[in-house]
């Protein structure tokens, strides 16, 4: 992981803290992602928390957005791949 210089951030009145963009990019933190906040003495450690289902959903949304395909197109492609694989393994058309 790339390192970055320390930075200063301000905690807002509602307890919100903005993590600078460069640090979010280096740490692969995305909007809406959960983090674990661990108090260590007089310091605080913030680490990404992977929520399996939420993380999978976020990644699927990102793939859909980046590919420019619709969900229907992706599902149709999966159906076609499944048919091809079935034919390759069993040598016959599926029902």
PDB file of N, CA and C in Angstrom:
ATOM      1  N   UNK A   1       0.836  -1.179   0.000  1.00  0.00           N
ATOM      2  CA  UNK A   1       0.000   0.000   0.000  1.00  0.00           C
ATOM      3  C   UNK A   1       0.878   1.239   0.000  1.00  0.00           C
ATOM      4  N   UNK A   2       0.531   2.185  -0.829  1.00  0.00           N
ATOM      5  CA  UNK A   2       1.244   3.457  -0.905  1.00  0.00           C
ATOM      6  C   UNK A   2       1.006   4.239   0.385  1.00  0.00           C
ATOM      7  N   UNK A   3       2.001   5.014   0.805  1.00  0.00           N
ATOM      8  CA  UNK A   3       1.829   5.835   2.000  1.00  0.00           C
ATOM      9  C   UNK A   3       1.633   7.279   1.596  1.00  0.00           C
ATOM     10  N   UNK A   4       1.061   8.031   2.488  1.00  0.00           N
ATOM     11  CA  UNK A   4       0.786   9.432   2.245  1.00  0.00           C
ATOM     12  C   UNK A   4       1.219  10.227   3.471  1.00  0.00           C
ATOM     13  N   UNK A   5       1.441  11.503   3.272  1.00  0.00           N
ATOM     14  CA  UNK A   5       1.807  12.371   4.389  1.00  0.00           C
ATOM     15  C   UNK A   5       0.591  12.552   5.298  1.00  0.00           C
ATOM     16  N   UNK A   6       0.837  12.748   6.589  1.00  0.00           N
ATOM     17  CA  UNK A   6      -0.280  13.013   7.502  1.00  0.00           C
ATOM     18  C   UNK A   6      -1.005  14.283   7.085  1.00  0.00           C
ATOM     19  N   UNK A   7      -2.281  14.355   7.401  1.00  0.00           N
ATOM     20  CA  UNK A   7      -3.052  15.552   7.095  1.00  0.00           C
ATOM     21  C   UNK A   7      -3.882  15.932   8.311  1.00  0.00           C
ATOM     22  N   UNK A   8      -4.399  17.127   8.278  1.00  0.00           N
ATOM     23  CA  UNK A   8      -5.244  17.607   9.371  1.00  0.00           C
ATOM     24  C   UNK A   8      -6.664  17.724   8.833  1.00  0.00           C
ATOM     25  N   UNK A   9      -7.619  17.206   9.611  1.00  0.00           N
ATOM     26  CA  UNK A   9      -9.026  17.284   9.248  1.00  0.00           C
ATOM     27  C   UNK A   9      -9.803  17.751  10.469  1.00  0.00           C
ATOM     28  N   UNK A  10     -10.958  18.324  10.235  1.00  0.00           N
ATOM     29  CA  UNK A  10     -11.780  18.865  11.312  1.00  0.00           C
ATOM     30  C   UNK A  10     -13.010  17.998  11.516  1.00  0.00           C
ATOM     31  N   UNK A  11     -13.331  17.712  12.771  1.00  0.00           N
ATOM     32  CA  UNK A  11     -14.552  16.990  13.087  1.00  0.00           C
ATOM     33  C   UNK A  11     -15.679  18.017  13.172  1.00  0.00           C
ATOM     34  N   UNK A  12     -16.720  17.801  12.408  1.00  0.00           N
ATOM     35  CA  UNK A  12     -17.859  18.731  12.355  1.00  0.00           C
ATOM     36  C   UNK A  12     -18.751  18.552  13.581  1.00  0.00           C
ATOM     37  N   UNK A  13     -19.730  19.436  13.728  1.00  0.00           N
ATOM     38  CA  UNK A  13     -20.573  19.457  14.920  1.00  0.00           C
ATOM     39  C   UNK A  13     -21.329  18.151  15.150  1.00  0.00           C
ATOM     40  N   UNK A  14     -21.665  17.431  14.099  1.00  0.00           N
ATOM     41  CA  UNK A  14     -22.403  16.175  14.234  1.00  0.00           C
ATOM     42  C   UNK A  14     -21.460  14.962  14.311  1.00  0.00           C
ATOM     43  N   UNK A  15     -20.164  15.219  14.512  1.00  0.00           N
ATOM     44  CA  UNK A  15     -19.201  14.133  14.650  1.00  0.00           C
ATOM     45  C   UNK A  15     -18.679  13.611  13.325  1.00  0.00           C
ATOM     46  N   UNK A  16     -18.983  14.298  12.234  1.00  0.00           N
ATOM     47  CA  UNK A  16     -18.545  13.839  10.915  1.00  0.00           C
ATOM     48  C   UNK A  16     -17.108  14.269  10.647  1.00  0.00           C
ATOM     49  N   UNK A  17     -16.376  13.346  10.034  1.00  0.00           N
ATOM     50  CA  UNK A  17     -14.979  13.583   9.683  1.00  0.00           C
ATOM     51  C   UNK A  17     -14.818  13.274   8.206  1.00  0.00           C
ATOM     52  N   UNK A  18     -14.265  14.190   7.450  1.00  0.00           N
ATOM     53  CA  UNK A  18     -14.013  13.951   6.032  1.00  0.00           C
ATOM     54  C   UNK A  18     -12.597  13.433   5.872  1.00  0.00           C
ATOM     55  N   UNK A  19     -12.493  12.243   5.282  1.00  0.00           N
ATOM     56  CA  UNK A  19     -11.179  11.672   4.996  1.00  0.00           C
ATOM     57  C   UNK A  19     -10.739  12.241   3.653  1.00  0.00           C
ATOM     58  N   UNK A  20      -9.574  12.879   3.580  1.00  0.00           N
ATOM     59  CA  UNK A  20      -9.131  13.493   2.326  1.00  0.00           C
ATOM     60  C   UNK A  20      -9.119  12.503   1.159  1.00  0.00           C
ATOM     61  N   UNK A  21      -9.408  13.013  -0.032  1.00  0.00           N
ATOM     62  CA  UNK A  21      -9.533  12.193  -1.240  1.00  0.00           C
ATOM     63  C   UNK A  21      -8.303  11.322  -1.480  1.00  0.00           C
ATOM     64  N   UNK A  22      -7.114  11.886  -1.346  1.00  0.00           N
ATOM     65  CA  UNK A  22      -5.880  11.123  -1.600  1.00  0.00           C
ATOM     66  C   UNK A  22      -5.799   9.910  -0.684  1.00  0.00           C
ATOM     67  N   UNK A  23      -6.153  10.080   0.585  1.00  0.00           N
ATOM     68  CA  UNK A  23      -6.115   8.966   1.537  1.00  0.00           C
ATOM     69  C   UNK A  23      -7.208   7.960   1.213  1.00  0.00           C
ATOM     70  N   UNK A  24      -8.410   8.423   0.822  1.00  0.00           N
ATOM     71  CA  UNK A  24      -9.483   7.495   0.423  1.00  0.00           C
ATOM     72  C   UNK A  24      -9.050   6.669  -0.780  1.00  0.00           C
ATOM     73  N   UNK A  25      -8.392   7.302  -1.744  1.00  0.00           N
ATOM     74  CA  UNK A  25      -7.934   6.586  -2.941  1.00  0.00           C
ATOM     75  C   UNK A  25      -6.862   5.552  -2.594  1.00  0.00           C
ATOM     76  N   UNK A  26      -5.885   5.936  -1.794  1.00  0.00           N
ATOM     77  CA  UNK A  26      -4.809   5.032  -1.400  1.00  0.00           C
ATOM     78  C   UNK A  26      -5.367   3.841  -0.617  1.00  0.00           C
ATOM     79  N   UNK A  27      -6.370   4.108   0.220  1.00  0.00           N
ATOM     80  CA  UNK A  27      -6.943   3.072   1.080  1.00  0.00           C
ATOM     81  C   UNK A  27      -8.098   2.325   0.424  1.00  0.00           C
ATOM     82  N   UNK A  28      -8.441   2.682  -0.816  1.00  0.00           N
ATOM     83  CA  UNK A  28      -9.564   2.066  -1.532  1.00  0.00           C
ATOM     84  C   UNK A  28     -10.873   2.193  -0.763  1.00  0.00           C
ATOM     85  N   UNK A  29     -11.100   3.341  -0.159  1.00  0.00           N
ATOM     86  CA  UNK A  29     -12.347   3.611   0.543  1.00  0.00           C
ATOM     87  C   UNK A  29     -13.311   4.295  -0.429  1.00  0.00           C
ATOM     88  N   UNK A  30     -14.549   3.791  -0.490  1.00  0.00           N
ATOM     89  CA  UNK A  30     -15.543   4.341  -1.401  1.00  0.00           C
ATOM     90  C   UNK A  30     -16.726   4.890  -0.616  1.00  0.00           C
ATOM     91  N   UNK A  31     -17.471   5.782  -1.239  1.00  0.00           N
ATOM     92  CA  UNK A  31     -18.653   6.359  -0.610  1.00  0.00           C
ATOM     93  C   UNK A  31     -19.607   5.258  -0.171  1.00  0.00           C
ATOM     94  N   UNK A  32     -20.104   5.360   1.045  1.00  0.00           N
ATOM     95  CA  UNK A  32     -21.058   4.396   1.563  1.00  0.00           C
ATOM     96  C   UNK A  32     -20.426   3.172   2.192  1.00  0.00           C
ATOM     97  N   UNK A  33     -19.121   3.023   2.070  1.00  0.00           N
ATOM     98  CA  UNK A  33     -18.431   1.859   2.615  1.00  0.00           C
ATOM     99  C   UNK A  33     -18.323   1.979   4.134  1.00  0.00           C
ATOM    100  N   UNK A  34     -18.549   0.887   4.830  1.00  0.00           N
ATOM    101  CA  UNK A  34     -18.413   0.867   6.287  1.00  0.00           C
ATOM    102  C   UNK A  34     -16.938   0.783   6.668  1.00  0.00           C
ATOM    103  N   UNK A  35     -16.605   1.401   7.786  1.00  0.00           N
ATOM    104  CA  UNK A  35     -15.244   1.332   8.314  1.00  0.00           C
ATOM    105  C   UNK A  35     -15.317   0.925   9.781  1.00  0.00           C
ATOM    106  N   UNK A  36     -14.232   0.379  10.272  1.00  0.00           N
ATOM    107  CA  UNK A  36     -14.109   0.068  11.693  1.00  0.00           C
ATOM    108  C   UNK A  36     -13.267   1.163  12.321  1.00  0.00           C
ATOM    109  N   UNK A  37     -13.741   1.703  13.432  1.00  0.00           N
ATOM    110  CA  UNK A  37     -13.009   2.748  14.148  1.00  0.00           C
ATOM    111  C   UNK A  37     -12.573   2.143  15.481  1.00  0.00           C
ATOM    112  N   UNK A  38     -11.266   2.072  15.667  1.00  0.00           N
ATOM    113  CA  UNK A  38     -10.697   1.406  16.827  1.00  0.00           C
ATOM    114  C   UNK A  38      -9.891   2.403  17.661  1.00  0.00           C
ATOM    115  N   UNK A  39     -10.366   2.706  18.886  1.00  0.00           N
ATOM    116  CA  UNK A  39      -9.583   3.602  19.750  1.00  0.00           C
ATOM    117  C   UNK A  39      -8.359   2.867  20.300  1.00  0.00           C
ATOM    118  N   UNK A  40      -7.199   3.501  20.167  1.00  0.00           N
ATOM    119  CA  UNK A  40      -5.952   2.936  20.684  1.00  0.00           C
ATOM    120  C   UNK A  40      -5.272   4.038  21.496  1.00  0.00           C
ATOM    121  N   UNK A  41      -5.404   3.948  22.803  1.00  0.00           N
ATOM    122  CA  UNK A  41      -4.849   4.998  23.662  1.00  0.00           C
ATOM    123  C   UNK A  41      -5.499   6.329  23.331  1.00  0.00           C
ATOM    124  N   UNK A  42      -4.661   7.328  23.001  1.00  0.00           N
ATOM    125  CA  UNK A  42      -5.212   8.628  22.637  1.00  0.00           C
ATOM    126  C   UNK A  42      -5.292   8.803  21.116  1.00  0.00           C
ATOM    127  N   UNK A  43      -5.220   7.694  20.385  1.00  0.00           N
ATOM    128  CA  UNK A  43      -5.300   7.717  18.919  1.00  0.00           C
ATOM    129  C   UNK A  43      -6.520   6.927  18.452  1.00  0.00           C
ATOM    130  N   UNK A  44      -6.816   7.059  17.168  1.00  0.00           N
ATOM    131  CA  UNK A  44      -7.927   6.333  16.558  1.00  0.00           C
ATOM    132  C   UNK A  44      -7.421   5.708  15.263  1.00  0.00           C
ATOM    133  N   UNK A  45      -7.718   4.414  15.074  1.00  0.00           N
ATOM    134  CA  UNK A  45      -7.350   3.711  13.853  1.00  0.00           C
ATOM    135  C   UNK A  45      -8.632   3.467  13.066  1.00  0.00           C
ATOM    136  N   UNK A  46      -8.638   3.860  11.787  1.00  0.00           N
ATOM    137  CA  UNK A  46      -9.796   3.665  10.918  1.00  0.00           C
ATOM    138  C   UNK A  46      -9.391   2.686   9.824  1.00  0.00           C
ATOM    139  N   UNK A  47     -10.122   1.576   9.709  1.00  0.00           N
ATOM    140  CA  UNK A  47      -9.818   0.570   8.689  1.00  0.00           C
ATOM    141  C   UNK A  47     -11.092   0.201   7.939  1.00  0.00           C
ATOM    142  N   UNK A  48     -10.945  -0.210   6.674  1.00  0.00           N
ATOM    143  CA  UNK A  48     -12.122  -0.645   5.913  1.00  0.00           C
ATOM    144  C   UNK A  48     -12.731  -1.891   6.547  1.00  0.00           C
ATOM    145  N   UNK A  49     -14.040  -1.941   6.586  1.00  0.00           N
ATOM    146  CA  UNK A  49     -14.730  -3.135   7.064  1.00  0.00           C
ATOM    147  C   UNK A  49     -15.479  -3.714   5.878  1.00  0.00           C
ATOM    148  N   UNK A  50     -15.167  -4.928   5.523  1.00  0.00           N
ATOM    149  CA  UNK A  50     -15.800  -5.575   4.385  1.00  0.00           C
ATOM    150  C   UNK A  50     -17.084  -6.256   4.845  1.00  0.00           C
ATOM    151  N   UNK A  51     -18.201  -5.760   4.368  1.00  0.00           N
ATOM    152  CA  UNK A  51     -19.481  -6.402   4.616  1.00  0.00           C
ATOM    153  C   UNK A  51     -19.772  -7.226   3.379  1.00  0.00           C
ATOM    154  N   UNK A  52     -19.703  -8.529   3.487  1.00  0.00           N
ATOM    155  CA  UNK A  52     -19.705  -9.401   2.324  1.00  0.00           C
ATOM    156  C   UNK A  52     -20.843  -9.128   1.348  1.00  0.00           C
ATOM    157  N   UNK A  53     -22.075  -9.136   1.805  1.00  0.00           N
ATOM    158  CA  UNK A  53     -23.196  -8.937   0.900  1.00  0.00           C
ATOM    159  C   UNK A  53     -23.206  -7.514   0.343  1.00  0.00           C
ATOM    160  N   UNK A  54     -23.030  -6.540   1.222  1.00  0.00           N
ATOM    161  CA  UNK A  54     -23.002  -5.153   0.762  1.00  0.00           C
ATOM    162  C   UNK A  54     -21.843  -4.907  -0.183  1.00  0.00           C
ATOM    163  N   UNK A  55     -20.693  -5.499   0.115  1.00  0.00           N
ATOM    164  CA  UNK A  55     -19.519  -5.339  -0.747  1.00  0.00           C
ATOM    165  C   UNK A  55     -19.773  -5.964  -2.116  1.00  0.00           C
ATOM    166  N   UNK A  56     -20.383  -7.148  -2.137  1.00  0.00           N
ATOM    167  CA  UNK A  56     -20.701  -7.804  -3.407  1.00  0.00           C
ATOM    168  C   UNK A  56     -21.681  -6.950  -4.211  1.00  0.00           C
ATOM    169  N   UNK A  57     -22.684  -6.414  -3.552  1.00  0.00           N
ATOM    170  CA  UNK A  57     -23.673  -5.557  -4.219  1.00  0.00           C
ATOM    171  C   UNK A  57     -22.995  -4.309  -4.800  1.00  0.00           C
ATOM    172  N   UNK A  58     -22.109  -3.709  -4.020  1.00  0.00           N
ATOM    173  CA  UNK A  58     -21.393  -2.504  -4.467  1.00  0.00           C
ATOM    174  C   UNK A  58     -20.527  -2.821  -5.692  1.00  0.00           C
ATOM    175  N   UNK A  59     -19.848  -3.974  -5.651  1.00  0.00           N
ATOM    176  CA  UNK A  59     -18.996  -4.359  -6.777  1.00  0.00           C
ATOM    177  C   UNK A  59     -19.822  -4.640  -8.032  1.00  0.00           C
ATOM    178  N   UNK A  60     -20.980  -5.305  -7.865  1.00  0.00           N
ATOM    179  CA  UNK A  60     -21.850  -5.565  -9.015  1.00  0.00           C
ATOM    180  C   UNK A  60     -22.360  -4.265  -9.630  1.00  0.00           C
ATOM    181  N   UNK A  61     -22.745  -3.315  -8.785  1.00  0.00           N
ATOM    182  CA  UNK A  61     -23.203  -2.021  -9.296  1.00  0.00           C
ATOM    183  C   UNK A  61     -22.081  -1.329 -10.065  1.00  0.00           C
ATOM    184  N   UNK A  62     -20.864  -1.427  -9.546  1.00  0.00           N
ATOM    185  CA  UNK A  62     -19.715  -0.808 -10.209  1.00  0.00           C
ATOM    186  C   UNK A  62     -19.452  -1.472 -11.560  1.00  0.00           C
ATOM    187  N   UNK A  63     -19.528  -2.803 -11.615  1.00  0.00           N
ATOM    188  CA  UNK A  63     -19.327  -3.523 -12.877  1.00  0.00           C
ATOM    189  C   UNK A  63     -20.383  -3.117 -13.891  1.00  0.00           C
ATOM    190  N   UNK A  64     -21.641  -3.063 -13.460  1.00  0.00           N
ATOM    191  CA  UNK A  64     -22.725  -2.646 -14.361  1.00  0.00           C
ATOM    192  C   UNK A  64     -22.465  -1.241 -14.893  1.00  0.00           C
ATOM    193  N   UNK A  65     -22.115  -0.332 -13.996  1.00  0.00           N
ATOM    194  CA  UNK A  65     -21.874   1.060 -14.394  1.00  0.00           C
ATOM    195  C   UNK A  65     -20.693   1.157 -15.357  1.00  0.00           C
ATOM    196  N   UNK A  66     -19.592   0.475 -15.033  1.00  0.00           N
ATOM    197  CA  UNK A  66     -18.384   0.553 -15.855  1.00  0.00           C
ATOM    198  C   UNK A  66     -18.541  -0.129 -17.206  1.00  0.00           C
ATOM    199  N   UNK A  67     -19.340  -1.207 -17.261  1.00  0.00           N
ATOM    200  CA  UNK A  67     -19.496  -1.950 -18.517  1.00  0.00           C
ATOM    201  C   UNK A  67     -20.442  -1.266 -19.487  1.00  0.00           C
ATOM    202  N   UNK A  68     -21.345  -0.444 -18.961  1.00  0.00           N
ATOM    203  CA  UNK A  68     -22.334   0.205 -19.816  1.00  0.00           C
ATOM    204  C   UNK A  68     -23.454  -0.735 -20.220  1.00  0.00           C
ATOM    205  N   UNK A  69     -23.470  -1.944 -19.674  1.00  0.00           N
ATOM    206  CA  UNK A  69     -24.510  -2.931 -19.986  1.00  0.00           C
ATOM    207  C   UNK A  69     -25.643  -2.813 -18.976  1.00  0.00           C
ATOM    208  N   UNK A  70     -26.814  -3.218 -19.407  1.00  0.00           N
ATOM    209  CA  UNK A  70     -27.952  -3.263 -18.488  1.00  0.00           C
ATOM    210  C   UNK A  70     -27.929  -4.598 -17.747  1.00  0.00           C
ATOM    211  N   UNK A  71     -28.678  -4.668 -16.667  1.00  0.00           N
ATOM    212  CA  UNK A  71     -28.787  -5.904 -15.917  1.00  0.00           C
ATOM    213  C   UNK A  71     -29.343  -7.017 -16.805  1.00  0.00           C
ATOM    214  N   UNK A  72     -30.313  -6.673 -17.643  1.00  0.00           N
ATOM    215  CA  UNK A  72     -30.922  -7.654 -18.546  1.00  0.00           C
ATOM    216  C   UNK A  72     -29.886  -8.218 -19.517  1.00  0.00           C
ATOM    217  N   UNK A  73     -29.008  -7.365 -20.037  1.00  0.00           N
ATOM    218  CA  UNK A  73     -27.960  -7.822 -20.956  1.00  0.00           C
ATOM    219  C   UNK A  73     -26.985  -8.769 -20.256  1.00  0.00           C
ATOM    220  N   UNK A  74     -26.614  -8.428 -19.035  1.00  0.00           N
ATOM    221  CA  UNK A  74     -25.709  -9.275 -18.263  1.00  0.00           C
ATOM    222  C   UNK A  74     -26.361 -10.642 -18.011  1.00  0.00           C
ATOM    223  N   UNK A  75     -27.634 -10.641 -17.591  1.00  0.00           N
ATOM    224  CA  UNK A  75     -28.331 -11.900 -17.320  1.00  0.00           C
ATOM    225  C   UNK A  75     -28.477 -12.736 -18.588  1.00  0.00           C
ATOM    226  N   UNK A  76     -28.761 -12.083 -19.724  1.00  0.00           N
ATOM    227  CA  UNK A  76     -28.863 -12.809 -20.990  1.00  0.00           C
ATOM    228  C   UNK A  76     -27.513 -13.437 -21.351  1.00  0.00           C
ATOM    229  N   UNK A  77     -26.437 -12.705 -21.114  1.00  0.00           N
ATOM    230  CA  UNK A  77     -25.101 -13.240 -21.382  1.00  0.00           C
ATOM    231  C   UNK A  77     -24.790 -14.438 -20.511  1.00  0.00           C
ATOM    232  N   UNK A  78     -25.196 -14.374 -19.247  1.00  0.00           N
ATOM    233  CA  UNK A  78     -24.980 -15.499 -18.337  1.00  0.00           C
ATOM    234  C   UNK A  78     -25.763 -16.717 -18.819  1.00  0.00           C
ATOM    235  N   UNK A  79     -26.999 -16.489 -19.266  1.00  0.00           N
ATOM    236  CA  UNK A  79     -27.825 -17.594 -19.763  1.00  0.00           C
ATOM    237  C   UNK A  79     -27.154 -18.253 -20.972  1.00  0.00           C
ATOM    238  N   UNK A  80     -26.626 -17.448 -21.881  1.00  0.00           N
ATOM    239  CA  UNK A  80     -25.928 -17.975 -23.048  1.00  0.00           C
ATOM    240  C   UNK A  80     -24.686 -18.757 -22.665  1.00  0.00           C
ATOM    241  N   UNK A  81     -23.918 -18.239 -21.721  1.00  0.00           N
ATOM    242  CA  UNK A  81     -22.716 -18.935 -21.248  1.00  0.00           C
ATOM    243  C   UNK A  81     -23.086 -20.259 -20.598  1.00  0.00           C
ATOM    244  N   UNK A  82     -24.162 -20.258 -19.826  1.00  0.00           N
ATOM    245  CA  UNK A  82     -24.599 -21.486 -19.161  1.00  0.00           C
ATOM    246  C   UNK A  82     -24.962 -22.554 -20.195  1.00  0.00           C
ATOM    247  N   UNK A  83     -25.681 -22.152 -21.260  1.00  0.00           N
ATOM    248  CA  UNK A  83     -26.052 -23.096 -22.319  1.00  0.00           C
ATOM    249  C   UNK A  83     -24.811 -23.666 -23.001  1.00  0.00           C
ATOM    250  N   UNK A  84     -23.854 -22.808 -23.306  1.00  0.00           N
ATOM    251  CA  UNK A  84     -22.619 -23.264 -23.961  1.00  0.00           C
ATOM    252  C   UNK A  84     -21.855 -24.236 -23.072  1.00  0.00           C
ATOM    253  N   UNK A  85     -21.750 -23.925 -21.807  1.00  0.00           N
ATOM    254  CA  UNK A  85     -21.034 -24.780 -20.870  1.00  0.00           C
ATOM    255  C   UNK A  85     -21.737 -26.133 -20.729  1.00  0.00           C
ATOM    256  N   UNK A  86     -23.056 -26.123 -20.644  1.00  0.00           N
ATOM    257  CA  UNK A  86     -23.825 -27.363 -20.535  1.00  0.00           C
ATOM    258  C   UNK A  86     -23.579 -28.249 -21.754  1.00  0.00           C
ATOM    259  N   UNK A  87     -23.615 -27.617 -22.932  1.00  0.00           N
ATOM    260  CA  UNK A  87     -23.404 -28.372 -24.172  1.00  0.00           C
ATOM    261  C   UNK A  87     -21.985 -28.938 -24.211  1.00  0.00           C
ATOM    262  N   UNK A  88     -21.003 -28.131 -23.775  1.00  0.00           N
ATOM    263  CA  UNK A  88     -19.609 -28.578 -23.768  1.00  0.00           C
ATOM    264  C   UNK A  88     -19.409 -29.749 -22.819  1.00  0.00           C
ATOM    265  N   UNK A  89     -20.016 -29.713 -21.642  1.00  0.00           N
ATOM    266  CA  UNK A  89     -19.830 -30.767 -20.650  1.00  0.00           C
ATOM    267  C   UNK A  89     -20.626 -32.022 -21.004  1.00  0.00           C
ATOM    268  N   UNK A  90     -21.885 -31.843 -21.372  1.00  0.00           N
ATOM    269  CA  UNK A  90     -22.765 -32.996 -21.559  1.00  0.00           C
ATOM    270  C   UNK A  90     -22.987 -33.356 -23.033  1.00  0.00           C
ATOM    271  N   UNK A  91     -22.524 -32.529 -23.949  1.00  0.00           N
ATOM    272  CA  UNK A  91     -22.627 -32.818 -25.366  1.00  0.00           C
ATOM    273  C   UNK A  91     -24.040 -32.818 -25.925  1.00  0.00           C
ATOM    274  N   UNK A  92     -24.938 -32.217 -25.209  1.00  0.00           N
ATOM    275  CA  UNK A  92     -26.308 -32.133 -25.709  1.00  0.00           C
ATOM    276  C   UNK A  92     -26.920 -30.809 -25.274  1.00  0.00           C
ATOM    277  N   UNK A  93     -27.985 -30.469 -25.892  1.00  0.00           N
ATOM    278  CA  UNK A  93     -28.674 -29.226 -25.583  1.00  0.00           C
ATOM    279  C   UNK A  93     -29.449 -29.387 -24.275  1.00  0.00           C
ATOM    280  N   UNK A  94     -29.410 -28.333 -23.435  1.00  0.00           N
ATOM    281  CA  UNK A  94     -30.154 -28.432 -22.175  1.00  0.00           C
ATOM    282  C   UNK A  94     -31.658 -28.245 -22.430  1.00  0.00           C
ATOM    283  N   UNK A  95     -32.435 -28.641 -21.457  1.00  0.00           N
ATOM    284  CA  UNK A  95     -33.908 -28.589 -21.609  1.00  0.00           C
ATOM    285  C   UNK A  95     -34.468 -27.295 -21.141  1.00  0.00           C
TER     286      UNK A  95
END
